[in-house]
Amino acid sequence: MIDWDRIRALRVDIGAEAFEQVLDLFLEEVESGLAELDDDMAEAQRKERLHFVAGSALNLGFAALAVLCQSAERGGKSVSADEIQACYAQCRAELLANIGPEITA
């Protein structure tokens, strides 16, 4: 679900303090983007929102979320907003539960 190598590399690249800020900003932006995601929104707008969330997810190592968003972006409404939000919640929970040990591995 989480690409820990990506997270460790990002933390090394930008430093521990900046990483915490980036992580907070990422979680905030994705949660905002997902709050606006709706199965009934216009297809172009939905694809734009999915593309944004997928890109953000890739940047911070939320691999499962990125794959799901990319699939939804390509396949229209075959993946529901609820599924995407549930995947985000799982990724977020895994990240927060394991971030300490994983980034020092």
C-alpha atoms as a PDB file:
ATOM      1  CA  MET A   1       0.000   0.000   0.000  1.00  0.00           C
ATOM      2  CA  ILE A   2       2.810   2.370   0.882  1.00  0.00           C
ATOM      3  CA  ASP A   3       6.055   2.749  -1.055  1.00  0.00           C
ATOM      4  CA  TRP A   4       8.354   3.154   1.934  1.00  0.00           C
ATOM      5  CA  ASP A   5      11.427   3.517  -0.286  1.00  0.00           C
ATOM      6  CA  ARG A   6       9.817   6.578  -1.890  1.00  0.00           C
ATOM      7  CA  ILE A   7       9.010   8.052   1.519  1.00  0.00           C
ATOM      8  CA  ARG A   8      12.542   7.468   2.840  1.00  0.00           C
ATOM      9  CA  ALA A   9      14.072   8.957  -0.318  1.00  0.00           C
ATOM     10  CA  LEU A  10      11.860  12.026  -0.112  1.00  0.00           C
ATOM     11  CA  ARG A  11      12.763  12.521   3.544  1.00  0.00           C
ATOM     12  CA  VAL A  12      16.473  12.303   2.728  1.00  0.00           C
ATOM     13  CA  ASP A  13      16.108  14.663  -0.242  1.00  0.00           C
ATOM     14  CA  ILE A  14      14.266  17.424   1.601  1.00  0.00           C
ATOM     15  CA  GLY A  15      15.317  16.854   5.214  1.00  0.00           C
ATOM     16  CA  ALA A  16      13.396  15.664   8.243  1.00  0.00           C
ATOM     17  CA  GLU A  17      11.858  19.007   9.191  1.00  0.00           C
ATOM     18  CA  ALA A  18      10.700  19.865   5.680  1.00  0.00           C
ATOM     19  CA  PHE A  19       9.416  16.301   5.289  1.00  0.00           C
ATOM     20  CA  GLU A  20       7.020  16.761   8.192  1.00  0.00           C
ATOM     21  CA  GLN A  21       5.676  19.923   6.588  1.00  0.00           C
ATOM     22  CA  VAL A  22       5.322  18.220   3.199  1.00  0.00           C
ATOM     23  CA  LEU A  23       3.546  15.286   4.806  1.00  0.00           C
ATOM     24  CA  ASP A  24       1.080  17.567   6.602  1.00  0.00           C
ATOM     25  CA  LEU A  25       0.440  19.545   3.418  1.00  0.00           C
ATOM     26  CA  PHE A  26      -0.018  16.376   1.375  1.00  0.00           C
ATOM     27  CA  LEU A  27      -2.563  14.919   3.785  1.00  0.00           C
ATOM     28  CA  GLU A  28      -4.438  18.215   3.899  1.00  0.00           C
ATOM     29  CA  GLU A  29      -4.527  18.655   0.111  1.00  0.00           C
ATOM     30  CA  VAL A  30      -5.525  15.072  -0.641  1.00  0.00           C
ATOM     31  CA  GLU A  31      -8.261  15.105   1.969  1.00  0.00           C
ATOM     32  CA  SER A  32      -9.573  18.330   0.450  1.00  0.00           C
ATOM     33  CA  GLY A  33      -9.404  16.852  -3.047  1.00  0.00           C
ATOM     34  CA  LEU A  34     -11.158  13.690  -1.986  1.00  0.00           C
ATOM     35  CA  ALA A  35     -13.870  15.641  -0.184  1.00  0.00           C
ATOM     36  CA  GLU A  36     -14.698  17.236  -3.529  1.00  0.00           C
ATOM     37  CA  LEU A  37     -14.695  13.909  -5.415  1.00  0.00           C
ATOM     38  CA  ASP A  38     -18.179  12.732  -6.262  1.00  0.00           C
ATOM     39  CA  ASP A  39     -19.463   9.969  -8.515  1.00  0.00           C
ATOM     40  CA  ASP A  40     -22.022  12.359 -10.003  1.00  0.00           C
ATOM     41  CA  MET A  41     -19.648  15.170 -10.950  1.00  0.00           C
ATOM     42  CA  ALA A  42     -18.879  15.938 -14.585  1.00  0.00           C
ATOM     43  CA  GLU A  43     -16.485  13.397 -16.083  1.00  0.00           C
ATOM     44  CA  ALA A  44     -13.834  15.964 -17.026  1.00  0.00           C
ATOM     45  CA  GLN A  45     -13.899  17.474 -13.546  1.00  0.00           C
ATOM     46  CA  ARG A  46     -13.757  14.004 -11.952  1.00  0.00           C
ATOM     47  CA  LYS A  47     -10.777  13.011 -14.093  1.00  0.00           C
ATOM     48  CA  GLU A  48      -8.995  16.238 -13.186  1.00  0.00           C
ATOM     49  CA  ARG A  49      -9.557  15.594  -9.467  1.00  0.00           C
ATOM     50  CA  LEU A  50      -8.429  11.959  -9.810  1.00  0.00           C
ATOM     51  CA  HIS A  51      -5.311  13.050 -11.699  1.00  0.00           C
ATOM     52  CA  PHE A  52      -4.428  15.523  -8.951  1.00  0.00           C
ATOM     53  CA  VAL A  53      -4.901  12.943  -6.186  1.00  0.00           C
ATOM     54  CA  ALA A  54      -2.966  10.272  -8.133  1.00  0.00           C
ATOM     55  CA  GLY A  55      -0.021  12.619  -8.679  1.00  0.00           C
ATOM     56  CA  SER A  56       0.032  13.651  -5.057  1.00  0.00           C
ATOM     57  CA  ALA A  57      -0.183  10.027  -3.967  1.00  0.00           C
ATOM     58  CA  LEU A  58       2.749   9.032  -6.193  1.00  0.00           C
ATOM     59  CA  ASN A  59       4.868  11.872  -4.824  1.00  0.00           C
ATOM     60  CA  LEU A  60       4.426  10.699  -1.256  1.00  0.00           C
ATOM     61  CA  GLY A  61       4.452   6.950  -1.744  1.00  0.00           C
ATOM     62  CA  PHE A  62       0.734   6.161  -1.450  1.00  0.00           C
ATOM     63  CA  ALA A  63       1.144   3.549  -4.188  1.00  0.00           C
ATOM     64  CA  ALA A  64      -2.208   1.790  -3.809  1.00  0.00           C
ATOM     65  CA  LEU A  65      -4.102   5.082  -3.874  1.00  0.00           C
ATOM     66  CA  ALA A  66      -2.223   6.252  -6.963  1.00  0.00           C
ATOM     67  CA  VAL A  67      -2.991   3.027  -8.840  1.00  0.00           C
ATOM     68  CA  LEU A  68      -6.665   3.165  -7.895  1.00  0.00           C
ATOM     69  CA  CYS A  69      -7.000   6.815  -8.935  1.00  0.00           C
ATOM     70  CA  GLN A  70      -5.212   6.169 -12.216  1.00  0.00           C
ATOM     71  CA  SER A  71      -7.525   3.244 -12.901  1.00  0.00           C
ATOM     72  CA  ALA A  72     -10.572   5.381 -12.141  1.00  0.00           C
ATOM     73  CA  GLU A  73      -9.195   8.184 -14.282  1.00  0.00           C
ATOM     74  CA  ARG A  74      -8.830   5.837 -17.260  1.00  0.00           C
ATOM     75  CA  GLY A  75     -11.993   3.831 -16.670  1.00  0.00           C
ATOM     76  CA  GLY A  76     -14.501   6.537 -15.949  1.00  0.00           C
ATOM     77  CA  LYS A  77     -16.804   5.713 -13.087  1.00  0.00           C
ATOM     78  CA  SER A  78     -15.856   2.051 -12.663  1.00  0.00           C
ATOM     79  CA  VAL A  79     -14.235   2.929  -9.325  1.00  0.00           C
ATOM     80  CA  SER A  80     -16.429   4.782  -6.864  1.00  0.00           C
ATOM     81  CA  ALA A  81     -15.464   7.800  -4.811  1.00  0.00           C
ATOM     82  CA  ASP A  82     -16.176   5.724  -1.701  1.00  0.00           C
ATOM     83  CA  GLU A  83     -13.621   3.103  -2.791  1.00  0.00           C
ATOM     84  CA  ILE A  84     -11.013   5.776  -3.384  1.00  0.00           C
ATOM     85  CA  GLN A  85     -11.696   7.422  -0.043  1.00  0.00           C
ATOM     86  CA  ALA A  86     -11.509   4.050   1.727  1.00  0.00           C
ATOM     87  CA  CYS A  87      -8.160   3.324   0.065  1.00  0.00           C
ATOM     88  CA  TYR A  88      -6.859   6.723   1.181  1.00  0.00           C
ATOM     89  CA  ALA A  89      -8.007   6.026   4.740  1.00  0.00           C
ATOM     90  CA  GLN A  90      -6.166   2.683   4.730  1.00  0.00           C
ATOM     91  CA  CYS A  91      -2.995   4.217   3.304  1.00  0.00           C
ATOM     92  CA  ARG A  92      -3.122   7.083   5.792  1.00  0.00           C
ATOM     93  CA  ALA A  93      -3.638   4.699   8.712  1.00  0.00           C
ATOM     94  CA  GLU A  94      -0.713   2.524   7.578  1.00  0.00           C
ATOM     95  CA  LEU A  95       1.510   5.569   7.143  1.00  0.00           C
ATOM     96  CA  LEU A  96       0.717   7.036  10.535  1.00  0.00           C
ATOM     97  CA  ALA A  97       1.034   3.677  12.313  1.00  0.00           C
ATOM     98  CA  ASN A  98       4.409   2.829  10.771  1.00  0.00           C
ATOM     99  CA  ILE A  99       6.133   6.073   9.819  1.00  0.00           C
ATOM    100  CA  GLY A 100       8.616   6.084  12.697  1.00  0.00           C
ATOM    101  CA  PRO A 101      10.091   2.617  12.222  1.00  0.00           C
ATOM    102  CA  GLU A 102       9.886   2.690   8.438  1.00  0.00           C
ATOM    103  CA  ILE A 103      11.714   5.953   7.811  1.00  0.00           C
ATOM    104  CA  THR A 104      14.577   4.936  10.049  1.00  0.00           C
ATOM    105  CA  ALA A 105      14.925   1.467   8.477  1.00  0.00           C
END
